Structures are given as C-alpha cells and as structure tokens.
Amino acid sequence: MCARSSERRAPAPRAALERGFTLPELIAVIMLVSILAAVALPKLTGALSFRDDSWREQIVAALHSAHKSAVAHRRLVCASVNAGSVTLSMASANPATTCNTALAGVDGSASVAAANGAAATASVSPAGVLYFQPSGRVSTDGAGSNVAVRTITLAGQTSIVLVGETGHVD
C-alpha cells in the first residue's frame, strides 16, 4: 500500500532538533556565577582570619593563665612559646629557678595553646622561655633578676607585648 500524504509524519520542529544553550543563557549564567563569587570570597577570607585571631587569643589566654598561676600558687611558672604551641610548667617548690612540673592544658594535653592553621606562627623577642615570678613580674631568667619587656610576633597579626615589671599582657 502506498502511503497517503495525509498519513505522512510532519517534520519535527526545528527547536526540538537543536540542543545546547543559547548565547544569552550562557552570559546570564556567567554573570550569576561571578556575582556569587564576588559575594562569597570576602566571607571566606573573613572566616580564615578568625582562625588566625583565635591563635593570638589562645596565646594571650595562656600567658594570663601563667601569670595568674604564678601569683596564686606563689611559685615560678615557665611559659615556652613555640611556632605552633604554648606549654606551661611550674616549679614544685618555692623558691626555685627552674620549672619541673608540667601544667596540662584545658583538654589535658601538654600544650596550653595550639595553632590550627599553617599560617599560625609565633616567635618571642628576645628569644627564650618566659619566667613568671610569684611576685607577678616576668623575667628572662628563673632567678628573676632580669626583668624586660617581651614581644611575641605573629604572622599577619598584632604583636603581643608582655610588660616585665607588672606581667601585663597586651
């Protein structure tokens, strides 16, 4: 049998055969993605700076703890500030010139403060252990004869200044 012309299938519409996106659709998507990136990137950078701020605050809290422990226990407390941690130790008797008992952190670990980011570094100037005397002074030696202002520098942060005569941390 011959097919009649009315039984023939109509050709598919042209839009159904073409696949893909039009140029205006692509431009609209690119504009939306760029607007979202412009809004999200500053928020991400701000979140990363909170991590650095927390490292500075951890160091300050550890130094406050060392000062208060020395005065409260009337014993020498030694604070060692390293690139990524702060450890505290206390003398077992008074008077003393060295610390021999480790003070555990809040979570029971050896370090009172620990950095969580690769950018977190700290260095003490002049270098060395910080000796918190029972009188509240901070010295460069265990005997307490050399009192000096100490500065702890942090990468990308405001330096921490430790006043030797009063033990004030700023």
C-alpha atoms as a PDB file:
ATOM      1  CA  MET A   1       0.000   0.000   0.000  1.00  0.00           C
ATOM      2  CA  CYS A   2       1.002   3.426  -0.746  1.00  0.00           C
ATOM      3  CA  ALA A   3       1.192   5.935   1.966  1.00  0.00           C
ATOM      4  CA  ARG A   4      -1.069   8.849   1.581  1.00  0.00           C
ATOM      5  CA  SER A   5       0.218  12.339   2.000  1.00  0.00           C
ATOM      6  CA  SER A   6      -2.084  12.943   4.954  1.00  0.00           C
ATOM      7  CA  GLU A   7      -0.585   9.925   6.778  1.00  0.00           C
ATOM      8  CA  ARG A   8       2.947  11.168   6.457  1.00  0.00           C
ATOM      9  CA  ARG A   9       4.544  12.359   9.579  1.00  0.00           C
ATOM     10  CA  ALA A  10       5.066  16.035   9.915  1.00  0.00           C
ATOM     11  CA  PRO A  11       8.713  17.058  10.239  1.00  0.00           C
ATOM     12  CA  ALA A  12       9.859  17.674  13.822  1.00  0.00           C
ATOM     13  CA  PRO A  13      10.035  21.297  14.859  1.00  0.00           C
ATOM     14  CA  ARG A  14      13.422  22.856  14.442  1.00  0.00           C
ATOM     15  CA  ALA A  15      13.815  23.676  18.168  1.00  0.00           C
ATOM     16  CA  ALA A  16      13.464  20.008  19.140  1.00  0.00           C
ATOM     17  CA  LEU A  17      16.390  19.037  16.916  1.00  0.00           C
ATOM     18  CA  GLU A  18      18.770  21.696  18.255  1.00  0.00           C
ATOM     19  CA  ARG A  19      20.427  21.019  21.592  1.00  0.00           C
ATOM     20  CA  GLY A  20      22.565  23.254  23.851  1.00  0.00           C
ATOM     21  CA  PHE A  21      22.358  26.713  25.303  1.00  0.00           C
ATOM     22  CA  THR A  22      21.917  29.995  23.597  1.00  0.00           C
ATOM     23  CA  LEU A  23      24.421  32.792  23.974  1.00  0.00           C
ATOM     24  CA  PRO A  24      22.155  34.932  26.212  1.00  0.00           C
ATOM     25  CA  GLU A  25      21.623  31.930  28.525  1.00  0.00           C
ATOM     26  CA  LEU A  26      25.376  31.374  28.828  1.00  0.00           C
ATOM     27  CA  ILE A  27      26.029  35.053  29.534  1.00  0.00           C
ATOM     28  CA  ALA A  28      23.323  35.076  32.215  1.00  0.00           C
ATOM     29  CA  VAL A  29      24.847  32.022  33.943  1.00  0.00           C
ATOM     30  CA  ILE A  30      28.344  33.528  33.828  1.00  0.00           C
ATOM     31  CA  MET A  31      27.047  36.778  35.328  1.00  0.00           C
ATOM     32  CA  LEU A  32      25.264  34.918  38.158  1.00  0.00           C
ATOM     33  CA  VAL A  33      28.341  32.843  38.979  1.00  0.00           C
ATOM     34  CA  SER A  34      30.575  35.938  39.020  1.00  0.00           C
ATOM     35  CA  ILE A  35      28.168  37.797  41.338  1.00  0.00           C
ATOM     36  CA  LEU A  36      28.050  34.817  43.710  1.00  0.00           C
ATOM     37  CA  ALA A  37      31.856  34.567  43.700  1.00  0.00           C
ATOM     38  CA  ALA A  38      32.206  38.280  44.429  1.00  0.00           C
ATOM     39  CA  VAL A  39      29.912  37.916  47.433  1.00  0.00           C
ATOM     40  CA  ALA A  40      31.252  34.585  48.772  1.00  0.00           C
ATOM     41  CA  LEU A  41      35.035  35.170  48.561  1.00  0.00           C
ATOM     42  CA  PRO A  42      35.226  38.034  51.080  1.00  0.00           C
ATOM     43  CA  LYS A  43      33.168  35.988  53.545  1.00  0.00           C
ATOM     44  CA  LEU A  44      35.532  33.036  53.109  1.00  0.00           C
ATOM     45  CA  THR A  45      38.564  35.254  53.686  1.00  0.00           C
ATOM     46  CA  GLY A  46      36.941  36.648  56.820  1.00  0.00           C
ATOM     47  CA  ALA A  47      36.338  33.132  58.145  1.00  0.00           C
ATOM     48  CA  LEU A  48      40.010  32.276  57.664  1.00  0.00           C
ATOM     49  CA  SER A  49      41.087  35.385  59.579  1.00  0.00           C
ATOM     50  CA  PHE A  50      39.005  34.203  62.570  1.00  0.00           C
ATOM     51  CA  ARG A  51      41.313  31.190  62.784  1.00  0.00           C
ATOM     52  CA  ASP A  52      44.377  33.456  62.994  1.00  0.00           C
ATOM     53  CA  ASP A  53      42.659  35.675  65.576  1.00  0.00           C
ATOM     54  CA  SER A  54      41.885  32.633  67.700  1.00  0.00           C
ATOM     55  CA  TRP A  55      45.599  31.640  67.731  1.00  0.00           C
ATOM     56  CA  ARG A  56      46.519  35.092  69.056  1.00  0.00           C
ATOM     57  CA  GLU A  57      43.779  34.919  71.684  1.00  0.00           C
ATOM     58  CA  GLN A  58      44.938  31.443  72.743  1.00  0.00           C
ATOM     59  CA  ILE A  59      48.467  32.759  73.322  1.00  0.00           C
ATOM     60  CA  VAL A  60      47.161  35.723  75.343  1.00  0.00           C
ATOM     61  CA  ALA A  61      44.963  33.395  77.433  1.00  0.00           C
ATOM     62  CA  ALA A  62      47.910  31.049  78.061  1.00  0.00           C
ATOM     63  CA  LEU A  63      50.073  33.960  79.232  1.00  0.00           C
ATOM     64  CA  HIS A  64      47.277  35.227  81.503  1.00  0.00           C
ATOM     65  CA  SER A  65      46.969  31.713  82.915  1.00  0.00           C
ATOM     66  CA  ALA A  66      50.722  31.537  83.554  1.00  0.00           C
ATOM     67  CA  HIS A  67      50.685  34.896  85.337  1.00  0.00           C
ATOM     68  CA  LYS A  68      47.662  34.023  87.496  1.00  0.00           C
ATOM     69  CA  SER A  69      49.059  30.569  88.339  1.00  0.00           C
ATOM     70  CA  ALA A  70      52.389  32.025  89.441  1.00  0.00           C
ATOM     71  CA  VAL A  71      50.752  34.557  91.744  1.00  0.00           C
ATOM     72  CA  ALA A  72      48.047  32.185  93.077  1.00  0.00           C
ATOM     73  CA  HIS A  73      50.428  29.285  93.839  1.00  0.00           C
ATOM     74  CA  ARG A  74      53.336  31.556  94.822  1.00  0.00           C
ATOM     75  CA  ARG A  75      55.593  29.549  92.552  1.00  0.00           C
ATOM     76  CA  LEU A  76      57.690  30.130  89.450  1.00  0.00           C
ATOM     77  CA  VAL A  77      55.791  29.351  86.208  1.00  0.00           C
ATOM     78  CA  CYS A  78      57.669  28.917  82.918  1.00  0.00           C
ATOM     79  CA  ALA A  79      55.961  29.568  79.563  1.00  0.00           C
ATOM     80  CA  SER A  80      57.532  28.255  76.376  1.00  0.00           C
ATOM     81  CA  VAL A  81      56.109  29.845  73.225  1.00  0.00           C
ATOM     82  CA  ASN A  82      56.925  27.852  70.080  1.00  0.00           C
ATOM     83  CA  ALA A  83      55.882  28.303  66.464  1.00  0.00           C
ATOM     84  CA  GLY A  84      52.656  26.335  66.923  1.00  0.00           C
ATOM     85  CA  SER A  85      52.086  25.794  70.648  1.00  0.00           C
ATOM     86  CA  VAL A  86      52.451  27.228  74.140  1.00  0.00           C
ATOM     87  CA  THR A  87      53.438  24.967  77.044  1.00  0.00           C
ATOM     88  CA  LEU A  88      53.472  25.843  80.731  1.00  0.00           C
ATOM     89  CA  SER A  89      55.351  24.296  83.633  1.00  0.00           C
ATOM     90  CA  MET A  90      55.634  25.144  87.323  1.00  0.00           C
ATOM     91  CA  ALA A  91      58.296  24.815  89.991  1.00  0.00           C
ATOM     92  CA  SER A  92      57.468  22.162  92.582  1.00  0.00           C
ATOM     93  CA  ALA A  93      58.751  24.333  95.450  1.00  0.00           C
ATOM     94  CA  ASN A  94      59.360  27.971  96.279  1.00  0.00           C
ATOM     95  CA  PRO A  95      61.947  29.500  95.917  1.00  0.00           C
ATOM     96  CA  ALA A  96      63.114  27.929  92.651  1.00  0.00           C
ATOM     97  CA  THR A  97      64.949  28.906  89.488  1.00  0.00           C
ATOM     98  CA  THR A  98      63.619  26.140  87.201  1.00  0.00           C
ATOM     99  CA  CYS A  99      60.248  24.628  86.448  1.00  0.00           C
ATOM    100  CA  ASN A 100      59.894  20.865  86.723  1.00  0.00           C
ATOM    101  CA  THR A 101      56.150  20.108  86.778  1.00  0.00           C
ATOM    102  CA  ALA A 102      54.177  20.346  83.539  1.00  0.00           C
ATOM    103  CA  LEU A 103      50.852  22.158  83.623  1.00  0.00           C
ATOM    104  CA  ALA A 104      48.276  20.484  81.391  1.00  0.00           C
ATOM    105  CA  GLY A 105      46.013  22.380  79.055  1.00  0.00           C
ATOM    106  CA  VAL A 106      42.237  22.525  79.383  1.00  0.00           C
ATOM    107  CA  ASP A 107      41.829  19.342  77.341  1.00  0.00           C
ATOM    108  CA  GLY A 108      44.541  17.529  79.325  1.00  0.00           C
ATOM    109  CA  SER A 109      47.176  17.808  76.603  1.00  0.00           C
ATOM    110  CA  ALA A 110      50.731  19.034  77.205  1.00  0.00           C
ATOM    111  CA  SER A 111      50.172  22.291  75.321  1.00  0.00           C
ATOM    112  CA  VAL A 112      48.008  25.051  76.764  1.00  0.00           C
ATOM    113  CA  ALA A 113      47.504  26.611  73.327  1.00  0.00           C
ATOM    114  CA  ALA A 114      47.900  25.038  69.897  1.00  0.00           C
ATOM    115  CA  ALA A 115      47.739  26.551  66.429  1.00  0.00           C
ATOM    116  CA  ASN A 116      45.250  25.090  63.988  1.00  0.00           C
ATOM    117  CA  GLY A 117      46.443  26.707  60.775  1.00  0.00           C
ATOM    118  CA  ALA A 118      49.543  26.537  58.619  1.00  0.00           C
ATOM    119  CA  ALA A 119      49.884  30.335  58.741  1.00  0.00           C
ATOM    120  CA  ALA A 120      49.949  30.417  62.539  1.00  0.00           C
ATOM    121  CA  THR A 121      53.478  31.065  63.794  1.00  0.00           C
ATOM    122  CA  ALA A 122      54.832  32.805  66.850  1.00  0.00           C
ATOM    123  CA  SER A 123      58.260  33.968  67.955  1.00  0.00           C
ATOM    124  CA  VAL A 124      59.396  35.635  71.187  1.00  0.00           C
ATOM    125  CA  SER A 125      61.755  38.613  71.189  1.00  0.00           C
ATOM    126  CA  PRO A 126      64.146  38.442  72.955  1.00  0.00           C
ATOM    127  CA  ALA A 127      64.044  34.681  72.437  1.00  0.00           C
ATOM    128  CA  GLY A 128      63.733  32.250  75.309  1.00  0.00           C
ATOM    129  CA  VAL A 129      61.414  30.988  77.998  1.00  0.00           C
ATOM    130  CA  LEU A 130      59.137  33.435  79.810  1.00  0.00           C
ATOM    131  CA  TYR A 131      59.579  33.152  83.596  1.00  0.00           C
ATOM    132  CA  PHE A 132      56.544  34.317  85.587  1.00  0.00           C
ATOM    133  CA  GLN A 133      57.728  35.066  89.121  1.00  0.00           C
ATOM    134  CA  PRO A 134      55.499  34.574  92.209  1.00  0.00           C
ATOM    135  CA  SER A 135      55.508  38.384  92.613  1.00  0.00           C
ATOM    136  CA  GLY A 136      53.802  38.772  89.200  1.00  0.00           C
ATOM    137  CA  ARG A 137      56.889  40.029  87.371  1.00  0.00           C
ATOM    138  CA  VAL A 138      58.102  38.395  84.156  1.00  0.00           C
ATOM    139  CA  SER A 139      61.832  37.813  83.790  1.00  0.00           C
ATOM    140  CA  THR A 140      64.295  36.410  81.286  1.00  0.00           C
ATOM    141  CA  ASP A 141      65.835  34.099  83.913  1.00  0.00           C
ATOM    142  CA  GLY A 142      64.491  31.800  86.605  1.00  0.00           C
ATOM    143  CA  ALA A 143      66.051  33.807  89.444  1.00  0.00           C
ATOM    144  CA  GLY A 144      64.025  36.886  88.464  1.00  0.00           C
ATOM    145  CA  SER A 145      66.967  39.277  88.241  1.00  0.00           C
ATOM    146  CA  ASN A 146      66.469  40.356  84.597  1.00  0.00           C
ATOM    147  CA  VAL A 147      63.041  41.873  84.008  1.00  0.00           C
ATOM    148  CA  ALA A 148      62.350  43.001  80.459  1.00  0.00           C
ATOM    149  CA  VAL A 149      59.539  43.792  78.070  1.00  0.00           C
ATOM    150  CA  ARG A 150      58.967  40.789  75.812  1.00  0.00           C
ATOM    151  CA  THR A 151      57.271  40.862  72.420  1.00  0.00           C
ATOM    152  CA  ILE A 152      55.614  37.907  70.732  1.00  0.00           C
ATOM    153  CA  THR A 153      55.264  38.432  66.998  1.00  0.00           C
ATOM    154  CA  LEU A 154      52.649  36.621  64.966  1.00  0.00           C
ATOM    155  CA  ALA A 155      52.438  36.313  61.203  1.00  0.00           C
ATOM    156  CA  GLY A 156      49.863  38.807  59.950  1.00  0.00           C
ATOM    157  CA  GLN A 157      48.642  39.745  63.452  1.00  0.00           C
ATOM    158  CA  THR A 158      49.220  42.463  66.009  1.00  0.00           C
ATOM    159  CA  SER A 159      52.190  41.670  68.247  1.00  0.00           C
ATOM    160  CA  ILE A 160      51.620  40.652  71.853  1.00  0.00           C
ATOM    161  CA  VAL A 161      53.548  42.788  74.351  1.00  0.00           C
ATOM    162  CA  LEU A 162      54.350  41.406  77.802  1.00  0.00           C
ATOM    163  CA  VAL A 163      55.389  44.052  80.337  1.00  0.00           C
ATOM    164  CA  GLY A 164      58.042  42.554  82.590  1.00  0.00           C
ATOM    165  CA  GLU A 165      57.524  44.697  85.700  1.00  0.00           C
ATOM    166  CA  THR A 166      53.794  44.067  86.006  1.00  0.00           C
ATOM    167  CA  GLY A 167      53.223  40.897  83.961  1.00  0.00           C
ATOM    168  CA  HIS A 168      50.544  42.736  81.960  1.00  0.00           C
ATOM    169  CA  VAL A 169      49.782  41.101  78.606  1.00  0.00           C
ATOM    170  CA  ASP A 170      48.617  43.378  75.805  1.00  0.00           C
END
